[in-house]
Amino acid sequence: MLTRAELAGAVLLTDDRDASRMAGRKSLTSWDTTRLLADFHFSGDLEWEEARQALQRMDDAGRGVRIPASYQEFIQG
């Protein structure tokens, strides 16, 4: 993955914390679902309350997502 030119600038999307840490050790950018939803929010495509509700539904379904405690935490990534 580190040698494939077509993946330059790619972002690994995972809620697996071990995979995220491994990516970081390899200098790869990784986002979890919360960070992805925050990006949608920053672009004006998603309101905070919609993001919070989606994360809550995912958590209720056992998806193991990170749910920010506040809007401030959400926008800080």
N, C-alpha and C. Protein backbone atom coordinates (compact mmCIF):
# COMPACT_ATOMS: atom_id res chain seq x y z
N MET A 1 0.82 -1.18 0.00
CA MET A 1 0.00 0.00 0.00
C MET A 1 0.87 1.26 0.00
N LEU A 2 2.01 1.20 0.67
CA LEU A 2 2.87 2.37 0.74
C LEU A 2 3.58 2.64 -0.56
N THR A 3 3.60 1.68 -1.46
CA THR A 3 4.32 1.86 -2.72
C THR A 3 3.41 2.02 -3.93
N ARG A 4 2.13 2.03 -3.74
CA ARG A 4 1.20 2.15 -4.86
C ARG A 4 0.88 3.61 -5.11
N ALA A 5 1.36 4.14 -6.21
CA ALA A 5 1.22 5.56 -6.53
C ALA A 5 -0.24 5.99 -6.58
N GLU A 6 -1.13 5.13 -7.04
CA GLU A 6 -2.54 5.50 -7.16
C GLU A 6 -3.21 5.70 -5.80
N LEU A 7 -2.54 5.28 -4.73
CA LEU A 7 -3.11 5.45 -3.39
C LEU A 7 -2.51 6.64 -2.65
N ALA A 8 -1.66 7.40 -3.31
CA ALA A 8 -1.07 8.58 -2.68
C ALA A 8 -2.18 9.53 -2.24
N GLY A 9 -2.13 9.97 -1.01
CA GLY A 9 -3.14 10.87 -0.48
C GLY A 9 -4.42 10.19 -0.04
N ALA A 10 -4.48 8.88 -0.11
CA ALA A 10 -5.68 8.14 0.28
C ALA A 10 -5.89 8.19 1.79
N VAL A 11 -7.12 7.98 2.19
CA VAL A 11 -7.47 7.94 3.61
C VAL A 11 -8.06 6.56 3.90
N LEU A 12 -7.53 5.91 4.92
CA LEU A 12 -8.07 4.64 5.39
C LEU A 12 -9.24 4.94 6.30
N LEU A 13 -10.40 4.40 6.00
CA LEU A 13 -11.58 4.60 6.84
C LEU A 13 -11.81 3.34 7.65
N THR A 14 -11.67 3.46 8.98
CA THR A 14 -11.85 2.31 9.85
C THR A 14 -12.25 2.76 11.25
N ASP A 15 -13.07 1.97 11.90
CA ASP A 15 -13.39 2.19 13.30
C ASP A 15 -12.61 1.22 14.18
N ASP A 16 -11.73 0.44 13.57
CA ASP A 16 -10.87 -0.50 14.29
C ASP A 16 -9.67 0.29 14.83
N ARG A 17 -9.62 0.46 16.12
CA ARG A 17 -8.57 1.30 16.72
C ARG A 17 -7.17 0.73 16.49
N ASP A 18 -7.03 -0.58 16.51
CA ASP A 18 -5.72 -1.19 16.25
C ASP A 18 -5.28 -0.91 14.81
N ALA A 19 -6.20 -1.02 13.87
CA ALA A 19 -5.86 -0.74 12.47
C ALA A 19 -5.49 0.73 12.29
N SER A 20 -6.17 1.59 12.99
CA SER A 20 -5.87 3.02 12.91
C SER A 20 -4.47 3.32 13.46
N ARG A 21 -4.13 2.70 14.59
CA ARG A 21 -2.79 2.89 15.16
C ARG A 21 -1.72 2.35 14.23
N MET A 22 -1.97 1.21 13.62
CA MET A 22 -1.00 0.63 12.68
C MET A 22 -0.81 1.57 11.48
N ALA A 23 -1.88 2.11 10.97
CA ALA A 23 -1.80 3.05 9.85
C ALA A 23 -0.96 4.25 10.24
N GLY A 24 -1.18 4.76 11.44
CA GLY A 24 -0.40 5.89 11.92
C GLY A 24 1.08 5.59 11.99
N ARG A 25 1.42 4.38 12.42
CA ARG A 25 2.83 3.98 12.48
C ARG A 25 3.45 3.90 11.09
N LYS A 26 2.62 3.67 10.08
CA LYS A 26 3.08 3.61 8.69
C LYS A 26 2.92 4.95 7.98
N SER A 27 2.60 5.99 8.74
CA SER A 27 2.41 7.35 8.21
C SER A 27 1.27 7.44 7.21
N LEU A 28 0.24 6.62 7.42
CA LEU A 28 -0.96 6.67 6.59
C LEU A 28 -2.04 7.45 7.33
N THR A 29 -2.83 8.16 6.60
CA THR A 29 -3.94 8.90 7.19
C THR A 29 -5.12 7.96 7.38
N SER A 30 -5.68 7.97 8.57
CA SER A 30 -6.88 7.16 8.81
C SER A 30 -7.92 8.01 9.52
N TRP A 31 -9.15 7.78 9.17
CA TRP A 31 -10.29 8.45 9.80
C TRP A 31 -11.23 7.38 10.32
N ASP A 32 -11.90 7.69 11.43
CA ASP A 32 -13.00 6.84 11.87
C ASP A 32 -14.31 7.45 11.36
N THR A 33 -15.40 6.78 11.62
CA THR A 33 -16.70 7.25 11.12
C THR A 33 -17.02 8.64 11.65
N THR A 34 -16.68 8.91 12.89
CA THR A 34 -16.95 10.22 13.47
C THR A 34 -16.21 11.31 12.70
N ARG A 35 -14.96 11.06 12.37
CA ARG A 35 -14.17 12.04 11.60
C ARG A 35 -14.75 12.23 10.21
N LEU A 36 -15.21 11.16 9.59
CA LEU A 36 -15.83 11.25 8.27
C LEU A 36 -17.10 12.10 8.32
N LEU A 37 -17.93 11.86 9.32
CA LEU A 37 -19.16 12.64 9.46
C LEU A 37 -18.84 14.11 9.76
N ALA A 38 -17.78 14.36 10.52
CA ALA A 38 -17.37 15.75 10.78
C ALA A 38 -16.96 16.43 9.48
N ASP A 39 -16.30 15.70 8.59
CA ASP A 39 -15.92 16.27 7.29
C ASP A 39 -17.17 16.64 6.49
N PHE A 40 -18.18 15.76 6.50
CA PHE A 40 -19.45 16.08 5.84
C PHE A 40 -20.07 17.33 6.47
N HIS A 41 -19.98 17.43 7.79
CA HIS A 41 -20.52 18.59 8.50
C HIS A 41 -19.80 19.87 8.07
N PHE A 42 -18.49 19.83 8.02
CA PHE A 42 -17.71 21.01 7.63
C PHE A 42 -18.02 21.46 6.21
N SER A 43 -18.37 20.52 5.35
CA SER A 43 -18.70 20.87 3.96
C SER A 43 -20.15 21.34 3.81
N GLY A 44 -20.91 21.30 4.90
CA GLY A 44 -22.29 21.77 4.88
C GLY A 44 -23.30 20.72 4.47
N ASP A 45 -22.87 19.47 4.38
CA ASP A 45 -23.76 18.40 3.93
C ASP A 45 -24.46 17.64 5.06
N LEU A 46 -24.09 17.93 6.31
CA LEU A 46 -24.65 17.18 7.43
C LEU A 46 -24.67 18.06 8.67
N GLU A 47 -25.79 18.09 9.34
CA GLU A 47 -25.91 18.84 10.59
C GLU A 47 -25.38 18.00 11.75
N TRP A 48 -24.93 18.66 12.79
CA TRP A 48 -24.39 17.97 13.97
C TRP A 48 -25.41 16.98 14.53
N GLU A 49 -26.65 17.39 14.66
CA GLU A 49 -27.66 16.51 15.24
C GLU A 49 -27.86 15.26 14.38
N GLU A 50 -27.83 15.40 13.07
CA GLU A 50 -27.94 14.24 12.17
C GLU A 50 -26.76 13.30 12.37
N ALA A 51 -25.58 13.86 12.49
CA ALA A 51 -24.39 13.04 12.71
C ALA A 51 -24.48 12.32 14.05
N ARG A 52 -24.89 13.05 15.09
CA ARG A 52 -25.01 12.44 16.42
C ARG A 52 -26.01 11.29 16.42
N GLN A 53 -27.14 11.49 15.74
CA GLN A 53 -28.15 10.44 15.66
C GLN A 53 -27.63 9.22 14.89
N ALA A 54 -26.93 9.46 13.80
CA ALA A 54 -26.38 8.34 13.01
C ALA A 54 -25.38 7.56 13.85
N LEU A 55 -24.51 8.26 14.57
CA LEU A 55 -23.53 7.58 15.42
C LEU A 55 -24.22 6.80 16.53
N GLN A 56 -25.28 7.36 17.10
CA GLN A 56 -26.00 6.66 18.16
C GLN A 56 -26.65 5.38 17.63
N ARG A 57 -27.24 5.46 16.44
CA ARG A 57 -27.85 4.26 15.83
C ARG A 57 -26.78 3.20 15.57
N MET A 58 -25.63 3.62 15.09
CA MET A 58 -24.54 2.67 14.84
C MET A 58 -24.06 2.04 16.15
N ASP A 59 -23.95 2.86 17.19
CA ASP A 59 -23.53 2.34 18.49
C ASP A 59 -24.57 1.36 19.04
N ASP A 60 -25.84 1.71 18.90
CA ASP A 60 -26.93 0.83 19.35
C ASP A 60 -26.89 -0.51 18.63
N ALA A 61 -26.40 -0.50 17.40
CA ALA A 61 -26.31 -1.74 16.61
C ALA A 61 -25.00 -2.49 16.88
N GLY A 62 -24.23 -2.00 17.84
CA GLY A 62 -23.00 -2.70 18.20
C GLY A 62 -21.82 -2.46 17.27
N ARG A 63 -21.83 -1.35 16.55
CA ARG A 63 -20.78 -1.08 15.57
C ARG A 63 -19.48 -0.53 16.18
N GLY A 64 -19.49 -0.19 17.44
CA GLY A 64 -18.27 0.24 18.11
C GLY A 64 -17.72 1.57 17.64
N VAL A 65 -18.59 2.50 17.29
CA VAL A 65 -18.14 3.81 16.84
C VAL A 65 -17.83 4.71 18.04
N ARG A 66 -17.05 5.70 17.77
CA ARG A 66 -16.71 6.71 18.78
C ARG A 66 -17.78 7.79 18.74
N ILE A 67 -18.41 8.05 19.88
CA ILE A 67 -19.44 9.08 19.96
C ILE A 67 -18.89 10.25 20.77
N PRO A 68 -18.75 11.40 20.13
CA PRO A 68 -18.24 12.56 20.86
C PRO A 68 -19.20 12.98 21.97
N ALA A 69 -18.64 13.46 23.06
CA ALA A 69 -19.46 13.88 24.20
C ALA A 69 -20.13 15.23 23.96
N SER A 70 -19.61 15.99 23.00
CA SER A 70 -20.16 17.32 22.75
C SER A 70 -19.89 17.72 21.30
N TYR A 71 -20.54 18.80 20.89
CA TYR A 71 -20.30 19.34 19.56
C TYR A 71 -18.83 19.77 19.43
N GLN A 72 -18.30 20.38 20.48
CA GLN A 72 -16.90 20.83 20.45
C GLN A 72 -15.96 19.65 20.19
N GLU A 73 -16.19 18.55 20.86
CA GLU A 73 -15.36 17.35 20.63
C GLU A 73 -15.53 16.84 19.21
N PHE A 74 -16.75 16.90 18.70
CA PHE A 74 -17.04 16.45 17.33
C PHE A 74 -16.23 17.25 16.31
N ILE A 75 -16.22 18.57 16.44
CA ILE A 75 -15.53 19.37 15.44
C ILE A 75 -14.01 19.36 15.61
N GLN A 76 -13.53 18.91 16.75
CA GLN A 76 -12.09 18.80 16.95
C GLN A 76 -11.52 17.52 16.39
N GLY A 77 -12.40 16.63 15.95
CA GLY A 77 -11.93 15.38 15.35
C GLY A 77 -11.67 14.35 16.38
